[in-house]
N, C-alpha and C. Protein backbone atom coordinates (compact mmCIF):
# COMPACT_ATOMS: atom_id res chain seq x y z
N UNK A 1 -129.09 54.31 67.85
CA UNK A 1 -130.19 53.58 69.36
C UNK A 1 -131.33 54.09 69.00
N UNK A 2 -132.41 53.64 68.50
CA UNK A 2 -134.00 53.56 68.14
C UNK A 2 -134.56 52.61 68.86
N UNK A 3 -134.15 52.02 69.73
CA UNK A 3 -135.07 51.27 70.93
C UNK A 3 -135.87 51.51 71.69
N UNK A 4 -136.91 51.87 71.87
CA UNK A 4 -137.26 52.36 73.30
C UNK A 4 -136.92 51.94 74.75
N UNK A 5 -136.77 50.76 74.86
CA UNK A 5 -136.12 50.38 75.56
C UNK A 5 -134.47 50.36 76.17
N UNK A 6 -133.55 50.84 74.97
CA UNK A 6 -132.50 51.13 75.50
C UNK A 6 -132.32 52.75 75.48
N UNK A 7 -133.13 53.34 74.81
CA UNK A 7 -133.19 54.99 75.22
C UNK A 7 -133.66 55.19 76.35
N UNK A 8 -134.56 54.31 77.05
CA UNK A 8 -135.25 54.32 78.36
C UNK A 8 -134.00 54.59 79.30
N UNK A 9 -133.15 53.02 79.07
CA UNK A 9 -132.22 52.58 79.78
C UNK A 9 -130.88 53.50 80.04
N UNK A 10 -130.49 54.01 78.76
CA UNK A 10 -129.57 54.70 79.04
C UNK A 10 -129.72 56.49 79.73
N UNK A 11 -131.13 56.72 79.06
CA UNK A 11 -131.43 58.41 79.62
C UNK A 11 -131.59 57.71 81.39
N UNK A 12 -131.69 57.13 81.82
CA UNK A 12 -131.93 56.42 83.43
C UNK A 12 -130.44 56.80 83.89
N UNK A 13 -130.01 55.67 83.41
CA UNK A 13 -128.15 55.59 83.69
C UNK A 13 -127.54 57.05 83.67
N UNK A 14 -127.69 58.02 82.75
CA UNK A 14 -127.49 59.29 82.41
C UNK A 14 -127.96 60.14 83.56
N UNK A 15 -129.28 60.07 83.93
CA UNK A 15 -129.57 60.55 85.06
C UNK A 15 -129.43 60.20 86.20
N UNK A 16 -128.89 59.17 86.56
CA UNK A 16 -128.59 58.63 87.68
C UNK A 16 -126.91 59.55 87.93
N UNK A 17 -126.21 59.36 86.77
CA UNK A 17 -124.99 59.84 86.91
C UNK A 17 -124.91 61.62 87.05
N UNK A 18 -125.82 62.35 86.41
CA UNK A 18 -126.04 63.51 86.49
C UNK A 18 -126.29 64.41 87.96
N UNK A 19 -127.38 63.19 88.51
CA UNK A 19 -127.90 63.55 89.84
C UNK A 19 -126.78 63.14 90.51
N UNK A 20 -125.70 62.37 90.89
CA UNK A 20 -124.64 61.95 92.00
C UNK A 20 -123.53 62.74 91.75
N UNK A 21 -123.55 63.74 90.24
CA UNK A 21 -122.56 64.28 90.33
C UNK A 21 -123.09 65.44 90.62
N UNK A 22 -123.92 66.36 90.67
CA UNK A 22 -124.67 67.35 90.82
C UNK A 22 -124.89 67.27 92.79
N UNK A 23 -125.09 66.35 93.13
CA UNK A 23 -125.46 65.96 94.60
C UNK A 23 -123.87 66.43 95.02
N UNK A 24 -122.85 65.91 94.60
CA UNK A 24 -121.70 66.22 95.14
C UNK A 24 -121.30 67.55 95.48
N UNK A 25 -121.42 67.98 94.19
CA UNK A 25 -121.25 69.73 93.80
C UNK A 25 -121.85 70.51 94.86
N UNK A 26 -123.23 70.23 95.03
CA UNK A 26 -123.92 70.97 95.92
C UNK A 26 -123.80 70.53 97.26
N UNK A 27 -123.13 69.19 97.51
CA UNK A 27 -122.83 69.08 99.25
C UNK A 27 -121.37 69.81 99.19
N UNK A 28 -120.81 69.85 98.53
CA UNK A 28 -119.57 71.01 98.47
C UNK A 28 -119.65 72.34 99.08
N UNK A 29 -120.52 72.99 98.12
CA UNK A 29 -120.97 74.05 98.40
C UNK A 29 -121.90 74.38 99.24
N UNK A 30 -122.32 73.30 100.05
CA UNK A 30 -123.18 73.27 101.65
C UNK A 30 -122.13 73.72 102.42
N UNK A 31 -120.93 72.91 102.45
CA UNK A 31 -119.88 72.91 103.16
C UNK A 31 -119.27 74.00 103.01
N UNK A 32 -118.86 74.70 101.75
CA UNK A 32 -118.40 76.15 102.13
C UNK A 32 -118.99 76.94 102.31
N UNK A 33 -119.93 76.89 102.34
CA UNK A 33 -120.98 78.06 103.26
C UNK A 33 -120.74 78.20 104.25
N UNK A 34 -121.07 76.83 105.09
CA UNK A 34 -121.19 76.66 106.57
C UNK A 34 -119.93 76.77 106.92
N UNK A 35 -118.87 76.42 106.47
CA UNK A 35 -117.28 76.95 107.00
C UNK A 35 -116.59 78.36 106.61
N UNK A 36 -117.75 79.06 105.85
CA UNK A 36 -116.92 80.17 105.20
C UNK A 36 -117.26 81.33 106.03
N UNK A 37 -117.26 81.58 107.46
CA UNK A 37 -117.89 82.66 108.06
C UNK A 37 -116.69 83.44 108.58
N UNK A 38 -116.06 82.68 108.72
CA UNK A 38 -114.26 83.25 109.05
C UNK A 38 -113.52 83.47 107.96
N UNK A 39 -113.86 83.62 107.13
CA UNK A 39 -113.24 84.18 105.50
C UNK A 39 -114.00 85.04 104.87
N UNK A 40 -114.95 84.68 104.69
CA UNK A 40 -116.17 85.57 103.74
C UNK A 40 -117.73 86.37 104.83
N UNK A 41 -117.02 87.07 106.25
CA UNK A 41 -118.00 87.24 106.72
C UNK A 41 -119.10 88.42 106.30
N UNK A 42 -118.75 89.00 105.74
CA UNK A 42 -119.27 90.20 104.72
C UNK A 42 -120.04 90.10 103.33
N UNK A 43 -119.76 88.38 103.27
CA UNK A 43 -120.32 88.38 101.48
C UNK A 43 -121.78 88.35 101.45
N UNK A 44 -122.24 89.06 100.32
CA UNK A 44 -123.64 89.17 100.12
C UNK A 44 -124.59 87.89 99.18
N UNK A 45 -123.59 87.11 98.61
CA UNK A 45 -124.58 86.06 98.19
C UNK A 45 -123.12 85.09 97.92
N UNK A 46 -123.74 83.80 97.21
CA UNK A 46 -122.93 82.51 97.10
C UNK A 46 -121.46 83.18 96.40
N UNK A 47 -121.84 83.63 95.35
CA UNK A 47 -120.73 83.80 94.21
C UNK A 47 -119.36 84.79 95.44
N UNK A 48 -119.88 85.47 95.75
CA UNK A 48 -118.54 86.24 96.42
C UNK A 48 -118.48 85.36 97.60
N UNK A 49 -119.18 84.35 98.31
CA UNK A 49 -118.42 83.27 99.33
C UNK A 49 -117.42 82.50 98.58
N UNK A 50 -118.17 82.21 97.25
CA UNK A 50 -117.16 81.06 96.79
C UNK A 50 -115.59 81.82 96.23
N UNK A 51 -115.79 82.81 95.55
CA UNK A 51 -114.62 83.46 94.99
C UNK A 51 -113.45 83.72 95.84
N UNK A 52 -114.09 84.57 97.11
CA UNK A 52 -113.47 84.69 98.53
C UNK A 52 -112.65 83.30 99.06
N UNK A 53 -113.40 82.53 99.27
CA UNK A 53 -112.89 80.92 100.02
C UNK A 53 -111.80 80.38 98.76
N UNK A 54 -111.98 80.49 97.28
CA UNK A 54 -111.28 79.85 96.46
C UNK A 54 -109.80 80.86 96.64
N UNK A 55 -109.77 82.46 96.67
CA UNK A 55 -108.94 82.97 97.30
C UNK A 55 -107.76 82.84 98.11
N UNK A 56 -108.84 82.66 99.27
CA UNK A 56 -108.13 82.52 100.47
C UNK A 56 -107.56 81.00 100.29
N UNK A 57 -107.97 80.15 99.44
CA UNK A 57 -107.34 78.60 100.09
C UNK A 57 -106.00 78.66 99.07
N UNK A 58 -106.80 78.97 97.56
CA UNK A 58 -105.66 78.69 96.69
C UNK A 58 -104.87 79.83 96.04
N UNK A 59 -105.24 80.92 96.62
CA UNK A 59 -104.40 82.01 95.67
C UNK A 59 -105.23 82.63 94.22
N UNK A 60 -104.14 83.32 93.71
CA UNK A 60 -104.76 83.54 92.34
C UNK A 60 -105.14 82.30 91.13
N UNK A 61 -103.61 81.33 91.13
CA UNK A 61 -104.23 80.24 90.11
C UNK A 61 -105.66 79.80 90.79
N UNK A 62 -105.69 79.43 91.74
CA UNK A 62 -107.43 79.18 92.11
C UNK A 62 -108.40 80.12 91.53
N UNK A 63 -108.11 81.25 91.91
CA UNK A 63 -109.19 82.30 91.06
C UNK A 63 -109.03 82.35 89.95
N UNK A 64 -108.14 82.00 89.09
CA UNK A 64 -108.02 81.79 87.51
C UNK A 64 -108.72 80.75 87.26
N UNK A 65 -108.42 79.70 87.75
CA UNK A 65 -108.97 78.39 87.35
C UNK A 65 -110.58 78.59 87.83
N UNK A 66 -111.07 79.08 88.75
CA UNK A 66 -112.32 79.21 89.20
C UNK A 66 -112.98 79.90 87.84
N UNK A 67 -112.73 80.57 87.51
CA UNK A 67 -112.93 82.01 86.67
C UNK A 67 -113.19 81.26 85.42
N UNK A 68 -112.29 80.33 85.03
CA UNK A 68 -112.82 79.47 83.33
C UNK A 68 -113.64 78.61 83.43
N UNK A 69 -113.70 77.81 84.94
CA UNK A 69 -114.56 76.65 84.83
C UNK A 69 -116.18 77.02 84.92
N UNK A 70 -116.01 78.55 85.69
CA UNK A 70 -117.53 78.91 85.72
C UNK A 70 -118.04 79.37 84.10
N UNK A 71 -117.06 80.26 83.25
CA UNK A 71 -117.12 80.74 82.03
C UNK A 71 -117.80 79.41 81.22
N UNK A 72 -116.89 78.46 81.38
CA UNK A 72 -117.44 77.11 80.53
C UNK A 72 -118.68 76.77 80.51
N UNK A 73 -118.88 76.80 82.08
CA UNK A 73 -120.11 76.17 82.26
C UNK A 73 -121.39 77.00 82.16
N UNK A 74 -121.50 78.12 82.52
CA UNK A 74 -122.17 79.07 82.04
C UNK A 74 -122.49 79.58 80.61
N UNK A 75 -121.41 79.40 79.65
CA UNK A 75 -121.26 79.44 78.28
C UNK A 75 -122.15 78.32 77.68
N UNK A 76 -121.73 76.95 78.33
CA UNK A 76 -122.59 76.08 77.44
C UNK A 76 -124.11 76.21 77.89
N UNK A 77 -124.40 76.62 78.92
CA UNK A 77 -126.00 77.08 79.44
C UNK A 77 -126.18 77.90 78.61
N UNK A 78 -125.79 78.69 78.49
CA UNK A 78 -126.53 79.96 77.65
C UNK A 78 -126.65 80.01 76.17
N UNK A 79 -125.44 79.53 75.51
CA UNK A 79 -125.44 78.71 74.33
C UNK A 79 -126.68 77.62 73.73
N UNK A 80 -127.02 77.12 74.86
CA UNK A 80 -127.93 75.98 74.68
C UNK A 80 -129.57 76.62 74.81
N UNK A 81 -129.71 77.92 75.31
CA UNK A 81 -130.84 78.25 75.56
C UNK A 81 -131.09 79.62 74.84
N UNK A 82 -129.94 80.04 74.52
CA UNK A 82 -130.32 80.94 73.32
C UNK A 82 -130.57 80.48 72.01
N UNK A 83 -129.90 79.25 71.70
CA UNK A 83 -130.66 78.07 70.56
C UNK A 83 -132.00 77.67 70.54
N UNK A 84 -132.20 77.58 71.74
CA UNK A 84 -133.58 76.98 72.15
C UNK A 84 -134.58 77.43 71.97
N UNK A 85 -134.16 78.86 72.29
CA UNK A 85 -135.19 80.10 72.35
C UNK A 85 -135.37 80.51 70.62
N UNK A 86 -134.24 80.65 70.26
CA UNK A 86 -134.31 81.08 68.95
C UNK A 86 -134.82 80.05 67.94
N UNK A 87 -134.90 79.01 68.12
CA UNK A 87 -135.36 77.90 67.44
C UNK A 87 -137.01 78.05 67.12
N UNK A 88 -137.58 78.17 68.63
CA UNK A 88 -138.95 78.10 69.42
C UNK A 88 -139.49 79.31 68.92
N UNK A 89 -138.97 80.57 68.90
CA UNK A 89 -139.69 81.55 68.82
C UNK A 89 -139.81 82.26 67.19
N UNK A 90 -138.92 81.59 66.74
CA UNK A 90 -138.57 82.11 64.98
C UNK A 90 -139.50 81.38 64.60
N UNK A 91 -139.98 79.92 64.67
CA UNK A 91 -140.99 79.16 64.48
C UNK A 91 -142.12 79.62 64.81
N UNK A 92 -142.16 80.41 65.97
CA UNK A 92 -143.75 80.33 66.55
C UNK A 92 -143.99 82.07 65.98
N UNK A 93 -143.45 82.89 65.96
CA UNK A 93 -143.68 84.26 65.60
C UNK A 93 -142.87 84.61 63.82
N UNK A 94 -143.25 85.43 63.30
CA UNK A 94 -142.52 85.92 61.79
C UNK A 94 -141.18 86.66 62.08
N UNK A 95 -140.35 86.01 62.78
CA UNK A 95 -138.94 86.66 63.03
C UNK A 95 -138.07 85.43 62.46
N UNK A 96 -137.22 86.13 62.07
CA UNK A 96 -135.77 85.10 61.46
C UNK A 96 -135.02 84.61 63.10
N UNK A 97 -134.39 83.49 62.96
CA UNK A 97 -133.95 82.93 63.86
C UNK A 97 -132.62 83.74 64.69
N UNK A 98 -131.89 84.36 63.32
CA UNK A 98 -130.79 85.48 63.93
C UNK A 98 -131.29 86.63 64.69
N UNK A 99 -132.35 86.94 64.30
CA UNK A 99 -132.99 88.41 65.39
C UNK A 99 -133.32 87.90 66.39
N UNK A 100 -134.42 86.62 66.26
CA UNK A 100 -134.45 86.16 67.67
C UNK A 100 -132.95 85.92 68.83
N UNK A 101 -132.18 84.99 68.36
CA UNK A 101 -130.92 85.09 69.17
C UNK A 101 -130.19 86.32 69.40
N UNK A 102 -130.06 87.34 68.27
CA UNK A 102 -129.58 88.61 68.75
C UNK A 102 -130.45 89.34 70.12
N UNK A 103 -131.61 89.48 69.91
CA UNK A 103 -132.25 90.11 70.92
C UNK A 103 -132.24 89.04 72.10
N UNK A 104 -132.13 88.09 72.25
CA UNK A 104 -132.11 87.35 73.17
C UNK A 104 -130.83 87.27 73.77
N UNK A 105 -129.86 87.34 73.30
CA UNK A 105 -128.42 87.49 73.71
C UNK A 105 -128.20 89.17 74.49
N UNK A 106 -128.72 90.16 73.17
CA UNK A 106 -128.43 91.60 74.13
C UNK A 106 -129.24 91.60 75.29
N UNK A 107 -130.44 90.63 75.51
CA UNK A 107 -131.27 91.08 76.54
C UNK A 107 -130.59 90.36 77.79
N UNK A 108 -130.04 89.34 77.74
CA UNK A 108 -129.55 88.52 78.62
C UNK A 108 -128.08 89.24 78.91
N UNK A 109 -127.51 89.69 78.21
CA UNK A 109 -126.23 90.77 78.56
C UNK A 109 -126.87 91.89 79.33
N UNK A 110 -127.71 92.36 79.12
CA UNK A 110 -128.34 93.48 79.79
C UNK A 110 -128.77 93.59 81.26
N UNK A 111 -129.33 92.14 81.57
CA UNK A 111 -129.91 91.62 82.46
C UNK A 111 -128.91 91.24 83.17
N UNK A 112 -128.06 90.47 82.94
CA UNK A 112 -126.54 89.93 83.70
C UNK A 112 -125.76 90.80 84.56
N UNK A 113 -125.60 92.54 83.73
CA UNK A 113 -124.67 93.23 84.57
C UNK A 113 -125.18 93.75 85.42
N UNK A 114 -126.76 93.50 86.00
CA UNK A 114 -127.43 94.06 86.92
C UNK A 114 -126.88 93.77 88.28
N UNK A 115 -125.97 92.66 88.32
CA UNK A 115 -125.39 92.19 89.59
C UNK A 115 -126.46 91.23 90.09
N UNK A 116 -125.72 89.99 90.51
CA UNK A 116 -126.18 88.82 91.21
C UNK A 116 -126.95 89.23 92.27
N UNK A 117 -126.96 89.93 93.04
CA UNK A 117 -127.59 90.25 94.43
C UNK A 117 -128.76 90.83 93.87
N UNK A 118 -129.12 91.69 92.63
CA UNK A 118 -130.25 92.10 92.45
C UNK A 118 -130.85 91.37 91.37
N UNK A 119 -130.27 90.37 91.20
CA UNK A 119 -130.95 89.27 90.31
C UNK A 119 -131.73 88.50 90.99
N UNK A 120 -131.11 88.13 92.30
CA UNK A 120 -131.81 86.73 93.23
C UNK A 120 -133.01 87.70 93.56
N UNK A 121 -133.15 89.25 94.20
CA UNK A 121 -134.01 89.68 94.66
C UNK A 121 -135.32 89.75 93.94
N UNK A 122 -134.88 89.56 92.47
CA UNK A 122 -136.23 89.65 91.80
C UNK A 122 -136.49 88.63 91.41
N UNK A 123 -135.69 87.61 91.24
CA UNK A 123 -136.05 86.05 90.85
C UNK A 123 -136.88 85.49 91.89
N UNK A 124 -136.11 85.50 93.43
CA UNK A 124 -136.71 84.68 94.20
C UNK A 124 -138.51 84.51 94.61
N UNK A 125 -138.71 85.85 94.70
CA UNK A 125 -140.30 85.73 94.20
C UNK A 125 -141.18 85.18 93.41
N UNK A 126 -140.39 85.41 92.08
CA UNK A 126 -141.10 84.68 91.08
C UNK A 126 -141.41 83.13 90.53
N UNK A 127 -139.82 82.45 91.17
CA UNK A 127 -139.00 81.50 91.65
C UNK A 127 -140.43 80.54 92.81
N UNK A 128 -140.64 81.53 93.68
CA UNK A 128 -141.41 80.88 94.96
C UNK A 128 -142.79 80.50 94.16
N UNK A 129 -143.34 81.76 93.45
CA UNK A 129 -144.48 81.49 92.82
C UNK A 129 -144.78 80.57 91.97
N UNK A 130 -143.62 80.26 91.15
CA UNK A 130 -143.97 79.23 89.66
C UNK A 130 -143.62 77.78 90.43
N UNK A 131 -142.73 77.47 91.26
CA UNK A 131 -142.15 76.32 91.44
C UNK A 131 -143.61 75.31 92.16
N UNK A 132 -144.17 75.70 92.77
CA UNK A 132 -145.68 74.91 93.69
C UNK A 132 -146.41 74.67 92.28
N UNK A 133 -146.29 75.24 91.18
CA UNK A 133 -147.11 74.99 89.99
C UNK A 133 -146.63 73.86 89.09
N UNK A 134 -145.47 74.13 88.93
CA UNK A 134 -144.41 73.08 88.21
C UNK A 134 -144.40 71.78 89.22
N UNK A 135 -144.31 72.11 90.15
CA UNK A 135 -144.07 70.55 91.11
C UNK A 135 -145.37 69.79 90.90
N UNK A 136 -146.51 70.82 91.30
CA UNK A 136 -147.95 69.98 91.13
C UNK A 136 -148.31 69.45 89.86
N UNK A 137 -147.87 70.25 89.04
CA UNK A 137 -148.09 70.05 87.73
C UNK A 137 -147.71 68.14 87.05
N UNK A 138 -146.23 68.23 87.40
CA UNK A 138 -145.19 67.01 87.38
C UNK A 138 -145.73 65.62 87.66
N UNK A 139 -146.14 66.21 89.32
CA UNK A 139 -146.50 65.09 90.06
C UNK A 139 -148.04 64.49 89.58
N UNK A 140 -149.09 65.63 88.92
CA UNK A 140 -150.43 64.95 88.66
C UNK A 140 -149.83 64.49 87.13
N UNK A 141 -149.14 64.54 86.46
CA UNK A 141 -148.91 64.26 85.50
C UNK A 141 -148.43 63.21 85.18
N UNK A 142 -147.50 62.78 86.36
CA UNK A 142 -147.30 61.36 86.38
C UNK A 142 -148.18 60.16 87.01
N UNK A 143 -149.10 60.68 87.99
CA UNK A 143 -150.11 59.94 87.83
C UNK A 143 -151.63 59.96 87.41
N UNK A 144 -151.48 60.68 86.29
CA UNK A 144 -152.46 60.74 85.46
C UNK A 144 -153.10 59.53 85.06
N UNK A 145 -152.79 58.63 84.85
CA UNK A 145 -153.37 57.06 85.02
C UNK A 145 -154.60 56.72 85.81
N UNK A 146 -154.16 57.71 86.71
CA UNK A 146 -155.10 57.15 87.91
C UNK A 146 -156.42 58.04 88.17
N UNK A 147 -156.79 58.89 87.33
CA UNK A 147 -157.64 59.72 87.19
C UNK A 147 -158.59 58.98 86.24
N UNK A 148 -159.72 59.17 86.68
CA UNK A 148 -161.24 58.57 85.60
C UNK A 148 -161.29 59.70 84.68
N UNK A 149 -160.90 60.71 85.22
CA UNK A 149 -160.73 62.28 84.45
C UNK A 149 -160.00 63.52 84.60
N UNK A 150 -159.21 63.56 84.12
CA UNK A 150 -157.80 64.63 84.37
C UNK A 150 -158.56 66.03 84.59
N UNK A 151 -159.25 66.18 83.78
CA UNK A 151 -159.77 67.85 84.38
C UNK A 151 -160.42 67.54 85.50
N UNK A 152 -161.04 66.85 86.07
CA UNK A 152 -161.38 66.69 87.52
C UNK A 152 -160.48 67.47 88.72
N UNK A 153 -159.42 66.40 88.42
CA UNK A 153 -158.56 66.47 89.31
C UNK A 153 -157.70 67.73 88.94
N UNK A 154 -156.72 67.90 87.31
CA UNK A 154 -155.99 69.06 87.31
C UNK A 154 -156.32 70.57 87.34
N UNK A 155 -157.67 71.01 87.20
CA UNK A 155 -158.34 72.33 86.93
C UNK A 155 -158.47 72.50 88.79
N UNK A 156 -159.07 71.61 89.53
CA UNK A 156 -159.28 72.47 90.95
C UNK A 156 -157.87 72.69 91.71
N UNK A 157 -156.95 71.09 91.57
CA UNK A 157 -156.05 71.27 92.42
C UNK A 157 -154.76 72.34 91.46
N UNK A 158 -154.87 72.65 90.66
CA UNK A 158 -153.81 73.72 89.68
C UNK A 158 -154.51 75.11 90.38
N UNK A 159 -155.45 75.47 90.32
CA UNK A 159 -156.13 76.44 90.92
C UNK A 159 -155.62 76.53 92.56
N UNK A 160 -156.05 75.80 92.84
CA UNK A 160 -155.52 76.07 94.36
C UNK A 160 -153.65 76.28 94.47
N UNK A 161 -153.19 75.57 93.82
CA UNK A 161 -151.96 76.01 93.67
C UNK A 161 -151.30 77.29 93.29
N UNK A 162 -152.05 77.70 92.39
CA UNK A 162 -151.67 79.05 91.80
C UNK A 162 -151.94 80.10 92.34
N UNK A 163 -152.86 79.98 93.59
CA UNK A 163 -153.47 80.94 94.49
C UNK A 163 -152.82 81.41 95.82
N UNK A 164 -152.42 79.79 96.16
CA UNK A 164 -151.30 79.87 97.00
C UNK A 164 -149.93 80.41 96.72
N UNK A 165 -149.34 79.66 95.29
CA UNK A 165 -148.20 80.04 95.05
C UNK A 165 -147.87 81.36 95.09
N UNK A 166 -149.02 82.21 94.24
CA UNK A 166 -148.91 83.79 94.36
C UNK A 166 -149.25 84.60 95.36
N UNK A 167 -149.47 83.82 96.41
CA UNK A 167 -149.58 84.46 97.84
C UNK A 167 -148.33 84.06 98.50
N UNK A 168 -147.57 83.14 98.32
CA UNK A 168 -146.09 82.80 98.73
C UNK A 168 -145.20 83.85 97.99
N UNK A 169 -145.34 83.92 96.42
CA UNK A 169 -144.62 84.89 95.78
C UNK A 169 -144.71 86.55 96.45
N UNK A 170 -145.72 86.52 96.55
CA UNK A 170 -145.86 88.07 97.33
C UNK A 170 -145.14 88.37 98.14
N UNK A 171 -145.53 87.17 99.48
CA UNK A 171 -144.17 87.25 101.24
C UNK A 171 -143.07 87.23 100.57
N UNK A 172 -142.68 86.48 99.69
CA UNK A 172 -141.19 86.34 99.39
C UNK A 172 -140.72 87.46 98.64
N UNK A 173 -141.79 88.31 98.38
CA UNK A 173 -141.34 89.72 97.30
C UNK A 173 -141.12 91.34 98.34
N UNK A 174 -141.83 90.19 99.66
CA UNK A 174 -141.82 91.66 100.86
C UNK A 174 -143.14 92.25 100.92
N UNK A 175 -144.16 91.66 100.34
CA UNK A 175 -145.39 92.31 100.11
C UNK A 175 -146.29 91.48 101.06
N UNK A 176 -146.13 91.07 102.37
CA UNK A 176 -147.00 90.29 103.12
C UNK A 176 -148.34 91.20 103.31
N UNK A 177 -148.21 92.22 103.25
CA UNK A 177 -149.52 93.13 103.50
C UNK A 177 -150.58 92.49 102.55
N UNK A 178 -150.14 92.43 101.74
CA UNK A 178 -151.19 91.81 100.34
C UNK A 178 -151.32 90.39 100.46
N UNK A 179 -151.25 89.75 101.67
CA UNK A 179 -151.52 88.00 101.57
C UNK A 179 -152.55 88.09 103.01
N UNK A 180 -153.26 87.33 102.68
CA UNK A 180 -154.58 87.51 103.82
C UNK A 180 -153.52 86.51 105.16
N UNK A 181 -154.04 86.93 106.62
CA UNK A 181 -153.73 86.70 107.49
C UNK A 181 -153.87 84.87 107.56
N UNK A 182 -154.55 84.67 106.75
CA UNK A 182 -154.71 83.06 106.93
C UNK A 182 -153.65 82.21 106.47
N UNK A 183 -153.10 83.08 105.41
CA UNK A 183 -152.22 82.34 104.53
C UNK A 183 -151.25 82.08 105.52
N UNK A 184 -150.63 83.01 106.08
CA UNK A 184 -149.07 83.07 106.71
C UNK A 184 -149.40 82.34 107.54
N UNK A 185 -150.57 81.84 108.38
CA UNK A 185 -150.83 80.81 109.32
C UNK A 185 -150.74 79.33 109.23
N UNK A 186 -150.91 79.06 107.93
CA UNK A 186 -150.89 77.55 107.65
C UNK A 186 -149.38 76.80 107.71
N UNK A 187 -149.18 75.81 107.99
CA UNK A 187 -147.75 74.98 108.16
C UNK A 187 -147.30 74.92 107.09
N UNK A 188 -145.72 75.56 107.35
CA UNK A 188 -144.62 75.58 106.70
C UNK A 188 -144.69 76.83 105.26
N UNK A 189 -145.37 77.75 105.96
CA UNK A 189 -145.61 79.02 105.53
C UNK A 189 -144.09 79.98 105.85
N UNK A 190 -143.66 79.94 106.67
CA UNK A 190 -142.45 79.98 106.74
C UNK A 190 -141.17 79.81 105.44
N UNK A 191 -141.26 78.93 105.26
CA UNK A 191 -140.71 77.89 104.20
C UNK A 191 -141.13 78.16 102.61
N UNK A 192 -142.09 79.05 102.84
CA UNK A 192 -142.64 79.18 101.19
C UNK A 192 -143.20 78.29 101.12
N UNK A 193 -143.80 77.72 101.88
CA UNK A 193 -144.44 76.04 101.37
C UNK A 193 -145.90 76.00 101.91
N UNK A 194 -146.46 77.52 102.32
CA UNK A 194 -148.06 77.22 103.09
C UNK A 194 -149.09 76.78 101.74
N UNK A 195 -148.50 76.25 100.52
CA UNK A 195 -149.42 75.89 99.50
C UNK A 195 -149.60 74.28 99.75
N UNK A 196 -148.51 73.75 100.20
CA UNK A 196 -148.80 72.66 100.40
C UNK A 196 -149.72 71.53 101.13
N UNK A 197 -150.36 71.82 102.03
CA UNK A 197 -151.61 71.38 102.90
C UNK A 197 -152.58 71.94 102.15
N UNK A 198 -152.92 73.13 101.51
CA UNK A 198 -154.27 73.32 100.74
C UNK A 198 -154.56 72.20 99.43
N UNK A 199 -153.33 72.25 98.78
CA UNK A 199 -152.94 71.52 97.57
C UNK A 199 -153.43 69.74 97.93
N UNK A 200 -152.55 69.55 98.88
CA UNK A 200 -153.08 68.05 99.60
C UNK A 200 -154.37 67.74 99.72
N UNK A 201 -155.07 68.98 100.57
CA UNK A 201 -156.75 68.36 100.63
C UNK A 201 -157.29 68.52 99.33
N UNK A 202 -157.37 69.68 98.51
CA UNK A 202 -158.07 69.69 97.31
C UNK A 202 -157.89 68.77 96.50
N UNK A 203 -156.54 68.02 96.93
CA UNK A 203 -156.08 66.63 95.99
C UNK A 203 -156.95 65.52 96.24
N UNK A 204 -157.42 65.35 97.54
CA UNK A 204 -158.18 64.32 98.12
C UNK A 204 -159.38 64.55 97.88
N UNK A 205 -159.97 66.08 97.89
CA UNK A 205 -161.10 66.10 97.54
C UNK A 205 -161.56 65.90 96.02
N UNK A 206 -160.81 66.04 94.95
CA UNK A 206 -160.86 66.02 93.72
C UNK A 206 -160.28 64.78 93.34
N UNK A 207 -159.86 63.84 94.34
CA UNK A 207 -160.21 62.42 93.74
C UNK A 207 -161.07 61.94 94.02
N UNK A 208 -161.81 62.14 95.45
CA UNK A 208 -163.09 61.37 95.62
C UNK A 208 -164.36 62.08 94.78
N UNK A 209 -164.40 63.23 94.24
CA UNK A 209 -165.32 63.74 93.59
C UNK A 209 -164.95 62.84 92.14
N UNK A 210 -164.02 62.52 91.67
CA UNK A 210 -163.75 61.77 90.16
C UNK A 210 -164.40 60.48 90.00
N UNK A 211 -163.96 59.86 91.77
CA UNK A 211 -164.31 58.49 91.58
C UNK A 211 -165.81 58.37 91.60
N UNK A 212 -166.77 59.39 92.62
CA UNK A 212 -167.99 59.52 92.67
C UNK A 212 -168.71 59.86 91.61
N UNK A 213 -168.20 60.61 90.51
CA UNK A 213 -168.87 60.85 89.28
C UNK A 213 -168.37 59.65 88.22
N UNK A 214 -167.67 58.78 88.40
CA UNK A 214 -167.29 57.81 87.47
C UNK A 214 -166.85 58.27 86.25
N UNK A 215 -166.40 57.65 85.04
CA UNK A 215 -166.17 57.79 84.04
C UNK A 215 -167.03 58.46 83.26
N UNK A 216 -166.62 59.93 82.81
CA UNK A 216 -167.06 60.57 81.57
C UNK A 216 -167.61 59.94 80.32
N UNK A 217 -169.19 60.24 80.05
CA UNK A 217 -169.99 59.17 78.70
C UNK A 217 -169.21 59.41 77.70
N UNK A 218 -168.53 60.31 77.35
CA UNK A 218 -167.76 60.45 76.35
C UNK A 218 -166.39 59.20 75.95
N UNK A 219 -165.86 58.87 77.33
CA UNK A 219 -165.03 57.72 77.20
C UNK A 219 -165.80 56.37 77.45
N UNK A 220 -167.02 56.00 77.72
CA UNK A 220 -167.47 54.78 77.74
C UNK A 220 -167.90 53.98 76.60
């Protein structure tokens, strides 16, 4: 299948199927979390809620099946990420593919055994800081054809996103004392989305400046 139209069509179909499947899975997890208060009252994270709920509802066979399903699901993801990292870094650095894979596997083994609660406490601030950058970058890239000069829009908008994303990440890490008071008073700051309004304002200003300055001389 080499035709671009067919590739696009089947990619969209696969994407829709995956989105529907994931939506059903997460809706089921939402339901479990909302109805598990009497079953897993002392649970510290979602995994404890899920395992306790399954053990309570289906007993030992259900727990064994859950273990198999989670193992297979995580194994495919781990293998895919490890091989992808191995191919990328072995081509980027003067290190063999085998060495890169072994290093990543051992590092992943070490990190995974720190416990889910500890991993969440470390990863959430990082993700809160990175998600705004990823979201804004993807959005600007999809709208790239509307800008006369991409750099006039990308640079200021991404700079503002970085500043406020870092502030949200620090707040999520419990370092609110390092965040200026103004940042905490922004709309949606309590939901770690204080970056949204400043980014939208900067986007409008960047678009206005882009239109006023016109197309760069080198592109005329």
